Amino acid sequence: MIVDLFRSYSPVTQAFLATLGTWLAITAGAAVVFFTHRVNQKFLDVTLGFAAGVMIAASYWSLLAPAVELSREALTAPWFPAASGFLLGGLILWSIDRFLPHLHLGFPTETAEGVKTRWRRSTLLVLAVTLHHIPEGLAVGVAFGAAASGSPSTSLMSAIALALGMGLQNIPEGMAISLPLRREGMSMGKSFWYGQLSGIVEPVAGVLGAAAVLLVQPMLPYALAFAAGAMFYVVVEELIPESQLHSDTNLPTLGAMMGFAVMMVLEIAF
């Protein structure tokens, strides 16, 4: 059984293996470019909405709720670590967002954010998605590190559920980067390469997140909330606008609700 397999490894190795899986999910999505250069836009919008729903649900069920419970166990004001960590996570992502040159999917080149640069449009697109994947890897890593704390509010099963949820929503995200690159004239091989490369930060962030939590156990509630805030920032700043960019906003909204429900079921079932 997968849980028994994970238990035989250290939390840092668990985080690495889990985020390696989420990276492979991105790779699988990016590989779609070898079979087609175009996918129905409504389908992509729904899948982006689905990814947003998964991340919102994960922010609460897998990260914020355990942060509050851990704060209660420590006899501190249960709202403070959750609120301060959440806001700090969003603030850090906002800071990176302001300076890192990047371009959101579906937007014209002149709307590129960050410092001005002459980098190609394709590079800016890849950087935007890469920035997006850092909080996902961090969240999974922190969850596995938290599971090793022995607290009843965190568990290995919950961390695995979070990794599964991130993997599910990473498949359409891999498609969402490789297919636009292909449509802009990049070769199939390069479109796939840059699509999967955008997710390589997930194992790195996952290992760092797990290691940081293990080294500084009292910071665990803050770390969980920080990861939640970083993910929530990405959802509101990137995924929702991108999914709602085209005329039909109902389908991506329904996709977001479905993603939220799937992640909620995974968390409760596990």
Protein backbone atom coordinates (compact mmCIF):
# COMPACT_ATOMS: atom_id res chain seq x y z
CA MET A 1 0.00 0.00 0.00
CA ILE A 2 1.21 3.49 -0.84
CA VAL A 3 0.96 4.72 2.76
CA ASP A 4 3.19 1.91 4.05
CA LEU A 5 5.69 2.66 1.29
CA PHE A 6 5.84 6.33 2.26
CA ARG A 7 6.21 5.50 5.96
CA SER A 8 9.48 3.71 5.23
CA TYR A 9 11.09 7.00 4.18
CA SER A 10 12.02 10.20 5.97
CA PRO A 11 9.64 13.20 5.64
CA VAL A 12 12.05 14.98 3.30
CA THR A 13 12.23 11.92 1.03
CA GLN A 14 8.44 11.58 1.22
CA ALA A 15 8.09 15.19 0.09
CA PHE A 16 10.56 14.63 -2.74
CA LEU A 17 8.76 11.53 -4.00
CA ALA A 18 5.35 13.21 -3.77
CA THR A 19 6.43 16.35 -5.61
CA LEU A 20 8.28 14.22 -8.14
CA GLY A 21 4.85 12.72 -8.81
CA THR A 22 3.24 16.14 -9.23
CA TRP A 23 6.02 17.10 -11.64
CA LEU A 24 5.39 13.92 -13.64
CA ALA A 25 1.71 14.93 -13.80
CA ILE A 26 2.74 18.25 -15.37
CA THR A 27 4.94 16.29 -17.78
CA ALA A 28 2.00 14.07 -18.75
CA GLY A 29 -0.13 17.12 -19.46
CA ALA A 30 2.64 18.76 -21.48
CA ALA A 31 3.02 15.56 -23.56
CA VAL A 32 -0.43 16.15 -25.07
CA VAL A 33 1.36 18.53 -27.46
CA PHE A 34 2.71 15.48 -29.32
CA PHE A 35 -0.84 14.46 -30.27
CA THR A 36 -2.48 17.80 -31.00
CA HIS A 37 -1.60 21.47 -31.20
CA ARG A 38 -5.06 22.69 -30.31
CA VAL A 39 -7.54 21.81 -27.55
CA ASN A 40 -11.00 23.31 -27.26
CA GLN A 41 -10.69 26.62 -25.39
CA LYS A 42 -13.75 25.89 -23.26
CA PHE A 43 -12.12 22.66 -22.10
CA LEU A 44 -8.95 24.50 -21.12
CA ASP A 45 -11.00 27.11 -19.25
CA VAL A 46 -12.84 24.40 -17.33
CA THR A 47 -9.60 22.67 -16.40
CA LEU A 48 -8.04 25.94 -15.22
CA GLY A 49 -11.16 26.50 -13.12
CA PHE A 50 -10.80 22.95 -11.79
CA ALA A 51 -7.19 23.67 -10.80
CA ALA A 52 -8.31 26.83 -9.00
CA GLY A 53 -10.95 24.90 -7.07
CA VAL A 54 -8.47 22.21 -6.02
CA MET A 55 -6.01 24.81 -4.76
CA ILE A 56 -8.64 26.78 -2.83
CA ALA A 57 -9.88 23.61 -1.12
CA ALA A 58 -6.32 22.49 -0.37
CA SER A 59 -5.55 25.89 1.13
CA TYR A 60 -8.21 25.36 3.75
CA TRP A 61 -8.60 21.62 4.32
CA SER A 62 -4.93 20.63 4.10
CA LEU A 63 -3.19 23.76 5.39
CA LEU A 64 -5.23 26.43 7.20
CA ALA A 65 -7.42 24.10 9.28
CA PRO A 66 -4.40 22.13 10.61
CA ALA A 67 -2.62 25.44 11.31
CA VAL A 68 -5.50 26.56 13.52
CA GLU A 69 -5.62 23.22 15.35
CA LEU A 70 -1.87 23.24 15.96
CA SER A 71 -2.14 26.76 17.38
CA ARG A 72 -4.80 25.57 19.82
CA GLU A 73 -2.53 22.75 20.94
CA ALA A 74 0.22 25.28 21.60
CA LEU A 75 -2.14 27.40 23.73
CA THR A 76 -1.63 30.47 21.54
CA ALA A 77 -4.32 32.61 19.92
CA PRO A 78 -5.45 30.14 17.23
CA TRP A 79 -6.19 32.86 14.70
CA PHE A 80 -2.80 34.59 14.80
CA PRO A 81 -0.48 31.99 13.15
CA ALA A 82 -3.12 31.22 10.52
CA ALA A 83 -3.87 34.85 9.69
CA SER A 84 -0.30 36.17 9.81
CA GLY A 85 1.17 33.20 7.94
CA PHE A 86 -1.56 33.38 5.29
CA LEU A 87 -1.03 37.10 4.66
CA LEU A 88 2.76 36.72 4.62
CA GLY A 89 2.51 33.96 2.01
CA GLY A 90 0.46 36.22 -0.24
CA LEU A 91 2.79 39.16 0.39
CA ILE A 92 5.89 37.19 -0.60
CA LEU A 93 4.23 35.98 -3.82
CA TRP A 94 3.10 39.53 -4.56
CA SER A 95 6.68 40.75 -4.09
CA ILE A 96 8.07 38.12 -6.45
CA ASP A 97 5.25 38.83 -8.90
CA ARG A 98 6.17 42.52 -9.01
CA PHE A 99 9.80 41.92 -9.94
CA LEU A 100 9.96 38.63 -11.89
CA PRO A 101 9.27 39.24 -15.60
CA HIS A 102 6.33 37.04 -16.65
CA LEU A 103 3.22 36.95 -18.80
CA HIS A 104 -0.09 35.31 -17.93
CA LEU A 105 -1.60 32.83 -20.38
CA GLY A 106 -3.98 34.37 -22.89
CA PHE A 107 -2.89 37.96 -22.29
CA PRO A 108 -1.13 40.22 -24.85
CA THR A 109 2.63 40.69 -24.57
CA GLU A 110 2.31 44.34 -23.55
CA THR A 111 0.58 43.27 -20.32
CA ALA A 112 3.71 41.42 -19.11
CA GLU A 113 4.38 42.02 -15.41
CA GLY A 114 7.58 42.48 -13.43
CA VAL A 115 10.65 44.45 -14.44
CA LYS A 116 10.86 45.43 -18.10
CA THR A 117 12.79 43.02 -20.26
CA ARG A 118 13.36 42.06 -23.89
CA TRP A 119 12.79 38.38 -23.17
CA ARG A 120 10.70 36.45 -25.66
CA ARG A 121 6.99 35.96 -25.08
CA SER A 122 7.45 32.20 -24.69
CA THR A 123 10.02 32.75 -21.92
CA LEU A 124 7.64 35.09 -20.08
CA LEU A 125 4.83 32.52 -20.32
CA VAL A 126 7.01 29.75 -18.89
CA LEU A 127 8.18 31.98 -16.04
CA ALA A 128 4.57 32.77 -15.09
CA VAL A 129 3.69 29.09 -14.78
CA THR A 130 6.97 28.31 -12.99
CA LEU A 131 6.16 30.96 -10.37
CA HIS A 132 2.76 29.33 -10.00
CA HIS A 133 4.27 25.92 -9.20
CA ILE A 134 6.49 27.08 -6.34
CA PRO A 135 3.61 27.39 -3.80
CA GLU A 136 2.25 24.01 -4.86
CA GLY A 137 5.53 22.23 -4.17
CA LEU A 138 5.97 24.18 -0.94
CA ALA A 139 2.49 23.21 0.25
CA VAL A 140 3.11 19.50 -0.35
CA GLY A 141 6.50 19.63 1.35
CA VAL A 142 5.15 21.46 4.39
CA ALA A 143 2.31 18.95 4.64
CA PHE A 144 4.72 16.00 4.78
CA GLY A 145 6.90 17.80 7.28
CA ALA A 146 3.83 18.52 9.40
CA ALA A 147 2.77 14.86 9.26
CA ALA A 148 6.03 13.95 11.00
CA SER A 149 5.17 16.19 13.97
CA GLY A 150 2.85 13.55 15.42
CA SER A 151 0.04 16.05 15.93
CA PRO A 152 -3.50 14.62 15.55
CA SER A 153 -4.39 17.57 13.30
CA THR A 154 -1.87 16.44 10.66
CA SER A 155 -1.33 13.03 9.11
CA LEU A 156 0.57 11.25 6.38
CA MET A 157 -2.70 10.33 4.70
CA SER A 158 -3.69 13.99 4.53
CA ALA A 159 -0.33 14.89 2.99
CA ILE A 160 -0.75 12.15 0.39
CA ALA A 161 -4.25 13.40 -0.39
CA LEU A 162 -2.84 16.89 -0.93
CA ALA A 163 -0.18 15.53 -3.28
CA LEU A 164 -2.84 13.62 -5.24
CA GLY A 165 -4.94 16.76 -5.56
CA MET A 166 -1.98 18.77 -6.77
CA GLY A 167 -1.13 16.04 -9.25
CA LEU A 168 -4.65 15.97 -10.66
CA GLN A 169 -4.75 19.67 -11.33
CA ASN A 170 -1.19 19.69 -12.69
CA ILE A 171 -2.18 17.61 -15.72
CA PRO A 172 -4.29 20.35 -17.31
CA GLU A 173 -1.72 22.92 -16.23
CA GLY A 174 0.93 21.09 -18.26
CA MET A 175 -1.40 21.27 -21.25
CA ALA A 176 -2.12 24.93 -20.59
CA ILE A 177 1.54 25.86 -21.10
CA SER A 178 2.75 23.46 -23.83
CA LEU A 179 -0.21 23.95 -26.20
CA PRO A 180 -0.04 27.77 -26.28
CA LEU A 181 3.71 27.55 -26.91
CA ARG A 182 3.04 25.21 -29.83
CA ARG A 183 0.39 27.54 -31.25
CA GLU A 184 2.91 30.38 -31.16
CA GLY A 185 5.19 28.47 -33.53
CA MET A 186 7.49 26.61 -31.16
CA SER A 187 8.34 23.03 -32.14
CA MET A 188 6.58 20.11 -30.45
CA GLY A 189 9.76 19.07 -28.69
CA LYS A 190 10.49 22.52 -27.31
CA SER A 191 6.84 23.07 -26.31
CA PHE A 192 6.91 19.84 -24.33
CA TRP A 193 10.33 20.60 -22.85
CA TYR A 194 9.36 24.03 -21.54
CA GLY A 195 5.95 22.78 -20.43
CA GLN A 196 7.40 20.12 -18.15
CA LEU A 197 10.35 22.33 -17.17
CA SER A 198 7.94 24.79 -15.56
CA GLY A 199 7.19 22.14 -12.92
CA ILE A 200 10.76 21.28 -11.97
CA VAL A 201 10.54 23.77 -9.10
CA GLU A 202 7.95 21.61 -7.34
CA PRO A 203 10.38 18.92 -6.04
CA VAL A 204 12.83 21.66 -5.02
CA ALA A 205 10.17 23.63 -3.14
CA GLY A 206 8.77 20.43 -1.63
CA VAL A 207 12.10 19.32 -0.17
CA LEU A 208 12.84 22.81 1.16
CA GLY A 209 9.37 23.05 2.73
CA ALA A 210 9.63 19.69 4.51
CA ALA A 211 13.18 20.36 5.71
CA ALA A 212 12.28 23.82 7.05
CA VAL A 213 9.33 22.47 9.03
CA LEU A 214 11.43 19.68 10.55
CA LEU A 215 14.16 22.12 11.57
CA VAL A 216 11.83 24.67 13.15
CA GLN A 217 8.89 22.75 14.63
CA PRO A 218 7.37 25.74 16.53
CA MET A 219 6.94 27.50 13.17
CA LEU A 220 4.75 24.70 11.80
CA PRO A 221 1.38 26.54 12.04
CA TYR A 222 2.92 29.58 10.36
CA ALA A 223 4.47 27.43 7.62
CA LEU A 224 1.16 25.72 6.86
CA ALA A 225 -0.66 29.06 6.68
CA PHE A 226 2.17 30.59 4.62
CA ALA A 227 1.81 27.85 1.99
CA ALA A 228 -1.97 28.38 1.98
CA GLY A 229 -1.59 32.12 1.44
CA ALA A 230 0.90 31.65 -1.39
CA MET A 231 -1.42 29.20 -3.15
CA PHE A 232 -4.46 31.41 -2.63
CA TYR A 233 -2.58 34.36 -4.15
CA VAL A 234 -1.79 32.32 -7.26
CA VAL A 235 -5.43 31.26 -7.62
CA VAL A 236 -6.87 34.77 -7.41
CA GLU A 237 -4.08 36.51 -9.33
CA GLU A 238 -3.58 33.95 -12.10
CA LEU A 239 -5.89 30.97 -12.44
CA ILE A 240 -9.26 32.66 -12.01
CA PRO A 241 -8.54 35.58 -14.39
CA GLU A 242 -7.08 33.21 -17.00
CA SER A 243 -10.04 30.83 -16.81
CA GLN A 244 -12.55 33.72 -17.02
CA LEU A 245 -10.76 35.55 -19.84
CA HIS A 246 -13.02 34.25 -22.59
CA SER A 247 -16.74 34.80 -23.16
CA ASP A 248 -18.23 31.85 -21.24
CA THR A 249 -17.53 32.32 -17.52
CA ASN A 250 -20.04 29.73 -16.32
CA LEU A 251 -18.04 26.67 -17.35
CA PRO A 252 -14.80 27.61 -15.54
CA THR A 253 -16.87 28.51 -12.48
CA LEU A 254 -18.45 25.06 -12.52
CA GLY A 255 -14.98 23.60 -13.04
CA ALA A 256 -13.77 25.44 -9.93
CA MET A 257 -16.65 24.04 -7.89
CA MET A 258 -15.88 20.53 -9.13
CA GLY A 259 -12.19 20.92 -8.28
CA PHE A 260 -13.06 22.15 -4.79
CA ALA A 261 -15.39 19.20 -4.26
CA VAL A 262 -12.81 16.66 -5.48
CA MET A 263 -10.11 18.03 -3.17
CA MET A 264 -12.56 18.13 -0.25
CA VAL A 265 -13.54 14.51 -0.84
CA LEU A 266 -9.90 13.46 -1.06
CA GLU A 267 -9.10 15.21 2.22
CA ILE A 268 -12.09 13.78 4.09
CA ALA A 269 -11.79 10.28 2.60
CA PHE A 270 -8.10 10.04 3.47
